Amino acid sequence: MAAQIVAESVKSALGPRGMDKMLVDSFGDVTITSDGRTVLDEMDIQHPAAKMMVEVAKTQDDEVGDGTTTSVIIAGELLAKAETLIDKNVHPTVIIDGYRKAAEKALETLEKIAIKISPTDKKP
């Protein structure tokens, strides 16, 4: 699946030991980066599902300013697992329902463990 290939293309750039990517555009200009959004922005992606992965990175970057590579990798893994379930004849609506329930549970858990802070807190 094209979206999974896009996710794989940024996977090696993740984390403190992530590797830089050397990108060459159609003009021959070279960009070296380990930033997931930059990598995806420089890719000429035509496939609709793969373009969705670029949108995941853009949304993450616009909303949070970080975590683009991680969000694309997670989205790619969710798609890979969904494909496995579809191959086992699980209906897509069942998969979507399961993902929604998992997201709700994750948010619920995060709210329980979150530590409230205020802008005036000076503790490290």
N, C-alpha and C. Protein backbone atom coordinates (compact mmCIF):
# COMPACT_ATOMS: atom_id res chain seq x y z
N MET A 1 0.84 -1.18 0.00
CA MET A 1 0.00 0.00 0.00
C MET A 1 0.89 1.24 0.00
N ALA A 2 0.52 2.21 -0.80
CA ALA A 2 1.33 3.41 -0.98
C ALA A 2 1.54 4.19 0.31
N ALA A 3 0.50 4.28 1.13
CA ALA A 3 0.62 5.03 2.39
C ALA A 3 1.63 4.38 3.33
N GLN A 4 1.69 3.06 3.32
CA GLN A 4 2.65 2.36 4.17
C GLN A 4 4.07 2.57 3.67
N ILE A 5 4.24 2.67 2.38
CA ILE A 5 5.57 2.94 1.82
C ILE A 5 6.04 4.33 2.24
N VAL A 6 5.14 5.28 2.24
CA VAL A 6 5.48 6.64 2.69
C VAL A 6 5.91 6.60 4.16
N ALA A 7 5.16 5.87 4.99
CA ALA A 7 5.52 5.75 6.41
C ALA A 7 6.89 5.10 6.57
N GLU A 8 7.16 4.08 5.79
CA GLU A 8 8.46 3.41 5.86
C GLU A 8 9.59 4.35 5.45
N SER A 9 9.31 5.26 4.54
CA SER A 9 10.37 6.15 4.05
C SER A 9 10.86 7.12 5.11
N VAL A 10 10.04 7.41 6.11
CA VAL A 10 10.48 8.33 7.17
C VAL A 10 10.87 7.61 8.46
N LYS A 11 10.62 6.32 8.53
CA LYS A 11 10.85 5.56 9.77
C LYS A 11 12.29 5.65 10.25
N SER A 12 13.25 5.58 9.35
CA SER A 12 14.66 5.59 9.76
C SER A 12 15.13 6.97 10.23
N ALA A 13 14.29 7.99 10.08
CA ALA A 13 14.65 9.33 10.54
C ALA A 13 14.18 9.59 11.97
N LEU A 14 13.52 8.61 12.59
CA LEU A 14 12.91 8.82 13.90
C LEU A 14 13.93 8.72 15.04
N GLY A 15 13.80 9.62 15.98
CA GLY A 15 14.54 9.52 17.24
C GLY A 15 15.93 10.09 17.21
N PRO A 16 16.60 9.99 18.37
CA PRO A 16 17.94 10.57 18.49
C PRO A 16 18.98 9.87 17.62
N ARG A 17 18.72 8.65 17.26
CA ARG A 17 19.64 7.94 16.37
C ARG A 17 19.10 7.88 14.94
N GLY A 18 18.12 8.72 14.68
CA GLY A 18 17.52 8.77 13.35
C GLY A 18 18.54 9.23 12.32
N MET A 19 18.40 8.70 11.14
CA MET A 19 19.34 9.03 10.07
C MET A 19 18.79 10.17 9.22
N ASP A 20 19.69 11.03 8.76
CA ASP A 20 19.30 12.09 7.84
C ASP A 20 18.97 11.50 6.48
N LYS A 21 18.13 12.20 5.77
CA LYS A 21 17.77 11.82 4.40
C LYS A 21 18.36 12.86 3.47
N MET A 22 18.92 12.39 2.36
CA MET A 22 19.41 13.31 1.33
C MET A 22 18.41 13.27 0.19
N LEU A 23 17.79 14.42 -0.06
CA LEU A 23 16.76 14.53 -1.08
C LEU A 23 17.25 15.40 -2.22
N VAL A 24 16.99 14.98 -3.44
CA VAL A 24 17.36 15.75 -4.62
C VAL A 24 16.07 16.07 -5.37
N ASP A 25 15.80 17.37 -5.57
CA ASP A 25 14.56 17.73 -6.27
C ASP A 25 14.78 17.74 -7.79
N SER A 26 13.75 18.09 -8.52
CA SER A 26 13.81 18.04 -9.99
C SER A 26 14.79 19.06 -10.57
N PHE A 27 15.19 20.05 -9.79
CA PHE A 27 16.16 21.04 -10.24
C PHE A 27 17.59 20.65 -9.87
N GLY A 28 17.74 19.54 -9.15
CA GLY A 28 19.04 19.09 -8.71
C GLY A 28 19.47 19.65 -7.38
N ASP A 29 18.61 20.43 -6.74
CA ASP A 29 18.93 20.98 -5.43
C ASP A 29 18.88 19.87 -4.38
N VAL A 30 19.85 19.89 -3.48
CA VAL A 30 19.97 18.85 -2.46
C VAL A 30 19.52 19.40 -1.11
N THR A 31 18.70 18.60 -0.42
CA THR A 31 18.27 18.92 0.94
C THR A 31 18.64 17.75 1.83
N ILE A 32 19.28 18.02 2.95
CA ILE A 32 19.60 16.97 3.92
C ILE A 32 18.84 17.29 5.20
N THR A 33 18.01 16.34 5.63
CA THR A 33 17.15 16.57 6.79
C THR A 33 16.76 15.26 7.45
N SER A 34 16.38 15.36 8.71
CA SER A 34 15.78 14.21 9.40
C SER A 34 14.36 14.56 9.83
N ASP A 35 13.87 15.72 9.38
CA ASP A 35 12.52 16.17 9.71
C ASP A 35 11.50 15.48 8.79
N GLY A 36 10.56 14.77 9.40
CA GLY A 36 9.57 14.02 8.64
C GLY A 36 8.76 14.87 7.69
N ARG A 37 8.33 16.03 8.15
CA ARG A 37 7.52 16.88 7.27
C ARG A 37 8.32 17.36 6.07
N THR A 38 9.57 17.73 6.29
CA THR A 38 10.40 18.19 5.18
C THR A 38 10.59 17.07 4.17
N VAL A 39 10.86 15.87 4.65
CA VAL A 39 11.02 14.71 3.76
C VAL A 39 9.76 14.53 2.92
N LEU A 40 8.61 14.56 3.56
CA LEU A 40 7.35 14.34 2.85
C LEU A 40 7.02 15.50 1.91
N ASP A 41 7.34 16.72 2.31
CA ASP A 41 7.09 17.88 1.44
C ASP A 41 7.92 17.81 0.16
N GLU A 42 9.11 17.26 0.26
CA GLU A 42 10.00 17.19 -0.89
C GLU A 42 9.67 16.02 -1.83
N MET A 43 8.89 15.08 -1.36
CA MET A 43 8.53 13.93 -2.19
C MET A 43 7.40 14.33 -3.15
N ASP A 44 7.48 13.83 -4.38
CA ASP A 44 6.43 14.07 -5.37
C ASP A 44 5.44 12.92 -5.28
N ILE A 45 4.42 13.09 -4.46
CA ILE A 45 3.48 12.01 -4.17
C ILE A 45 2.20 12.23 -4.97
N GLN A 46 1.79 11.19 -5.70
CA GLN A 46 0.59 11.26 -6.52
C GLN A 46 -0.56 10.43 -5.97
N HIS A 47 -0.24 9.34 -5.30
CA HIS A 47 -1.27 8.41 -4.83
C HIS A 47 -2.12 9.06 -3.74
N PRO A 48 -3.46 8.97 -3.83
CA PRO A 48 -4.34 9.62 -2.85
C PRO A 48 -4.10 9.18 -1.40
N ALA A 49 -3.91 7.89 -1.18
CA ALA A 49 -3.68 7.41 0.19
C ALA A 49 -2.33 7.89 0.71
N ALA A 50 -1.34 7.94 -0.16
CA ALA A 50 -0.02 8.43 0.25
C ALA A 50 -0.08 9.93 0.54
N LYS A 51 -0.88 10.66 -0.24
CA LYS A 51 -1.05 12.09 0.03
C LYS A 51 -1.67 12.32 1.40
N MET A 52 -2.52 11.37 1.82
CA MET A 52 -3.13 11.46 3.13
C MET A 52 -2.06 11.45 4.23
N MET A 53 -0.99 10.70 4.03
CA MET A 53 0.09 10.65 5.00
C MET A 53 0.80 12.00 5.10
N VAL A 54 0.94 12.68 3.97
CA VAL A 54 1.52 14.02 3.97
C VAL A 54 0.62 14.96 4.77
N GLU A 55 -0.68 14.81 4.61
CA GLU A 55 -1.63 15.63 5.36
C GLU A 55 -1.56 15.35 6.86
N VAL A 56 -1.33 14.09 7.23
CA VAL A 56 -1.14 13.73 8.64
C VAL A 56 0.04 14.52 9.21
N ALA A 57 1.15 14.53 8.47
CA ALA A 57 2.34 15.24 8.92
C ALA A 57 2.09 16.75 9.01
N LYS A 58 1.43 17.31 8.00
CA LYS A 58 1.16 18.75 8.00
C LYS A 58 0.26 19.14 9.17
N THR A 59 -0.78 18.35 9.41
CA THR A 59 -1.69 18.64 10.51
C THR A 59 -0.96 18.57 11.85
N GLN A 60 -0.15 17.53 12.03
CA GLN A 60 0.61 17.39 13.27
C GLN A 60 1.54 18.57 13.46
N ASP A 61 2.23 18.96 12.41
CA ASP A 61 3.17 20.08 12.49
C ASP A 61 2.45 21.39 12.77
N ASP A 62 1.31 21.62 12.11
CA ASP A 62 0.55 22.85 12.32
C ASP A 62 -0.04 22.93 13.72
N GLU A 63 -0.52 21.81 14.24
CA GLU A 63 -1.19 21.81 15.54
C GLU A 63 -0.21 21.78 16.71
N VAL A 64 0.87 21.01 16.57
CA VAL A 64 1.78 20.78 17.69
C VAL A 64 3.19 21.33 17.43
N GLY A 65 3.63 21.28 16.19
CA GLY A 65 4.96 21.75 15.86
C GLY A 65 6.04 20.70 15.97
N ASP A 66 5.65 19.47 16.29
CA ASP A 66 6.62 18.38 16.46
C ASP A 66 5.87 17.06 16.29
N GLY A 67 6.61 15.98 16.13
CA GLY A 67 5.99 14.67 16.09
C GLY A 67 5.48 14.23 14.73
N THR A 68 5.94 14.90 13.68
CA THR A 68 5.44 14.55 12.35
C THR A 68 5.84 13.14 11.95
N THR A 69 7.08 12.79 12.19
CA THR A 69 7.55 11.45 11.82
C THR A 69 6.79 10.39 12.60
N THR A 70 6.65 10.59 13.89
CA THR A 70 5.93 9.63 14.73
C THR A 70 4.49 9.47 14.27
N SER A 71 3.82 10.57 13.98
CA SER A 71 2.41 10.47 13.57
C SER A 71 2.26 9.73 12.25
N VAL A 72 3.17 9.93 11.33
CA VAL A 72 3.11 9.22 10.05
C VAL A 72 3.39 7.73 10.25
N ILE A 73 4.34 7.41 11.11
CA ILE A 73 4.65 6.00 11.38
C ILE A 73 3.47 5.31 12.04
N ILE A 74 2.84 5.96 13.01
CA ILE A 74 1.67 5.37 13.68
C ILE A 74 0.54 5.17 12.68
N ALA A 75 0.28 6.17 11.86
CA ALA A 75 -0.78 6.04 10.84
C ALA A 75 -0.47 4.88 9.89
N GLY A 76 0.79 4.74 9.51
CA GLY A 76 1.18 3.63 8.63
C GLY A 76 0.96 2.28 9.29
N GLU A 77 1.28 2.19 10.57
CA GLU A 77 1.07 0.93 11.30
C GLU A 77 -0.42 0.61 11.44
N LEU A 78 -1.23 1.63 11.71
CA LEU A 78 -2.68 1.41 11.79
C LEU A 78 -3.23 0.89 10.46
N LEU A 79 -2.74 1.45 9.37
CA LEU A 79 -3.17 0.98 8.05
C LEU A 79 -2.70 -0.44 7.78
N ALA A 80 -1.48 -0.77 8.20
CA ALA A 80 -0.97 -2.13 8.00
C ALA A 80 -1.80 -3.14 8.78
N LYS A 81 -2.14 -2.80 10.02
CA LYS A 81 -2.96 -3.71 10.84
C LYS A 81 -4.36 -3.83 10.25
N ALA A 82 -4.90 -2.72 9.76
CA ALA A 82 -6.23 -2.77 9.13
C ALA A 82 -6.21 -3.67 7.90
N GLU A 83 -5.15 -3.59 7.13
CA GLU A 83 -5.03 -4.43 5.94
C GLU A 83 -5.00 -5.91 6.32
N THR A 84 -4.28 -6.23 7.39
CA THR A 84 -4.24 -7.62 7.89
C THR A 84 -5.63 -8.09 8.29
N LEU A 85 -6.37 -7.23 8.98
CA LEU A 85 -7.73 -7.59 9.39
C LEU A 85 -8.66 -7.76 8.19
N ILE A 86 -8.52 -6.89 7.20
CA ILE A 86 -9.34 -7.02 5.99
C ILE A 86 -9.04 -8.33 5.28
N ASP A 87 -7.75 -8.71 5.25
CA ASP A 87 -7.37 -9.99 4.64
C ASP A 87 -7.99 -11.17 5.38
N LYS A 88 -8.34 -10.97 6.65
CA LYS A 88 -8.99 -12.02 7.45
C LYS A 88 -10.52 -11.87 7.40
N ASN A 89 -11.00 -11.10 6.43
CA ASN A 89 -12.43 -10.88 6.19
C ASN A 89 -13.15 -10.12 7.30
N VAL A 90 -12.43 -9.28 8.02
CA VAL A 90 -13.07 -8.39 8.99
C VAL A 90 -13.57 -7.18 8.20
N HIS A 91 -14.83 -6.83 8.39
CA HIS A 91 -15.42 -5.73 7.63
C HIS A 91 -14.78 -4.40 8.05
N PRO A 92 -14.52 -3.51 7.08
CA PRO A 92 -13.90 -2.22 7.40
C PRO A 92 -14.63 -1.41 8.46
N THR A 93 -15.97 -1.49 8.50
CA THR A 93 -16.69 -0.73 9.53
C THR A 93 -16.39 -1.25 10.93
N VAL A 94 -16.12 -2.54 11.05
CA VAL A 94 -15.75 -3.12 12.34
C VAL A 94 -14.37 -2.61 12.75
N ILE A 95 -13.47 -2.53 11.79
CA ILE A 95 -12.12 -2.03 12.06
C ILE A 95 -12.18 -0.57 12.50
N ILE A 96 -12.94 0.23 11.77
CA ILE A 96 -13.08 1.65 12.11
C ILE A 96 -13.67 1.82 13.50
N ASP A 97 -14.70 1.03 13.81
CA ASP A 97 -15.31 1.09 15.14
C ASP A 97 -14.28 0.74 16.22
N GLY A 98 -13.47 -0.27 15.97
CA GLY A 98 -12.43 -0.65 16.92
C GLY A 98 -11.39 0.44 17.11
N TYR A 99 -10.98 1.07 16.02
CA TYR A 99 -10.02 2.17 16.12
C TYR A 99 -10.61 3.36 16.88
N ARG A 100 -11.89 3.65 16.65
CA ARG A 100 -12.53 4.75 17.38
C ARG A 100 -12.58 4.46 18.87
N LYS A 101 -12.95 3.22 19.22
CA LYS A 101 -13.01 2.84 20.64
C LYS A 101 -11.61 2.92 21.27
N ALA A 102 -10.61 2.49 20.53
CA ALA A 102 -9.24 2.55 21.04
C ALA A 102 -8.80 4.00 21.25
N ALA A 103 -9.16 4.88 20.33
CA ALA A 103 -8.81 6.30 20.46
C ALA A 103 -9.50 6.91 21.68
N GLU A 104 -10.77 6.57 21.88
CA GLU A 104 -11.50 7.08 23.05
C GLU A 104 -10.84 6.61 24.34
N LYS A 105 -10.47 5.34 24.39
CA LYS A 105 -9.82 4.78 25.58
C LYS A 105 -8.46 5.44 25.82
N ALA A 106 -7.72 5.67 24.74
CA ALA A 106 -6.42 6.32 24.87
C ALA A 106 -6.57 7.73 25.43
N LEU A 107 -7.53 8.49 24.91
CA LEU A 107 -7.77 9.84 25.41
C LEU A 107 -8.20 9.83 26.87
N GLU A 108 -9.06 8.89 27.21
CA GLU A 108 -9.52 8.74 28.59
C GLU A 108 -8.33 8.47 29.53
N THR A 109 -7.45 7.58 29.11
CA THR A 109 -6.28 7.24 29.92
C THR A 109 -5.33 8.43 30.03
N LEU A 110 -5.11 9.14 28.93
CA LEU A 110 -4.24 10.31 28.97
C LEU A 110 -4.78 11.39 29.91
N GLU A 111 -6.09 11.58 29.89
CA GLU A 111 -6.70 12.56 30.79
C GLU A 111 -6.51 12.16 32.25
N LYS A 112 -6.55 10.86 32.54
CA LYS A 112 -6.37 10.38 33.92
C LYS A 112 -4.94 10.60 34.42
N ILE A 113 -3.97 10.39 33.55
CA ILE A 113 -2.58 10.46 33.98
C ILE A 113 -1.94 11.83 33.76
N ALA A 114 -2.66 12.74 33.11
CA ALA A 114 -2.11 14.07 32.83
C ALA A 114 -1.85 14.84 34.12
N ILE A 115 -0.80 15.62 34.11
CA ILE A 115 -0.46 16.48 35.23
C ILE A 115 -0.75 17.91 34.80
N LYS A 116 -1.62 18.56 35.54
CA LYS A 116 -1.99 19.93 35.20
C LYS A 116 -0.86 20.88 35.58
N ILE A 117 -0.57 21.79 34.67
CA ILE A 117 0.44 22.82 34.93
C ILE A 117 -0.15 24.17 34.50
N SER A 118 0.46 25.22 35.01
CA SER A 118 0.04 26.55 34.58
C SER A 118 1.26 27.26 33.99
N PRO A 119 1.02 28.28 33.20
CA PRO A 119 2.15 28.99 32.59
C PRO A 119 3.09 29.63 33.61
N THR A 120 2.62 29.80 34.84
CA THR A 120 3.46 30.42 35.87
C THR A 120 4.33 29.42 36.61
N ASP A 121 4.12 28.12 36.39
CA ASP A 121 4.94 27.10 37.05
C ASP A 121 6.38 27.22 36.58
N LYS A 122 7.30 27.22 37.53
CA LYS A 122 8.72 27.36 37.21
C LYS A 122 9.51 26.09 37.49
N LYS A 123 8.85 25.06 37.99
CA LYS A 123 9.55 23.82 38.32
C LYS A 123 9.95 23.10 37.03
N PRO A 124 11.18 22.56 37.01
CA PRO A 124 11.62 21.81 35.82
C PRO A 124 10.94 20.46 35.72
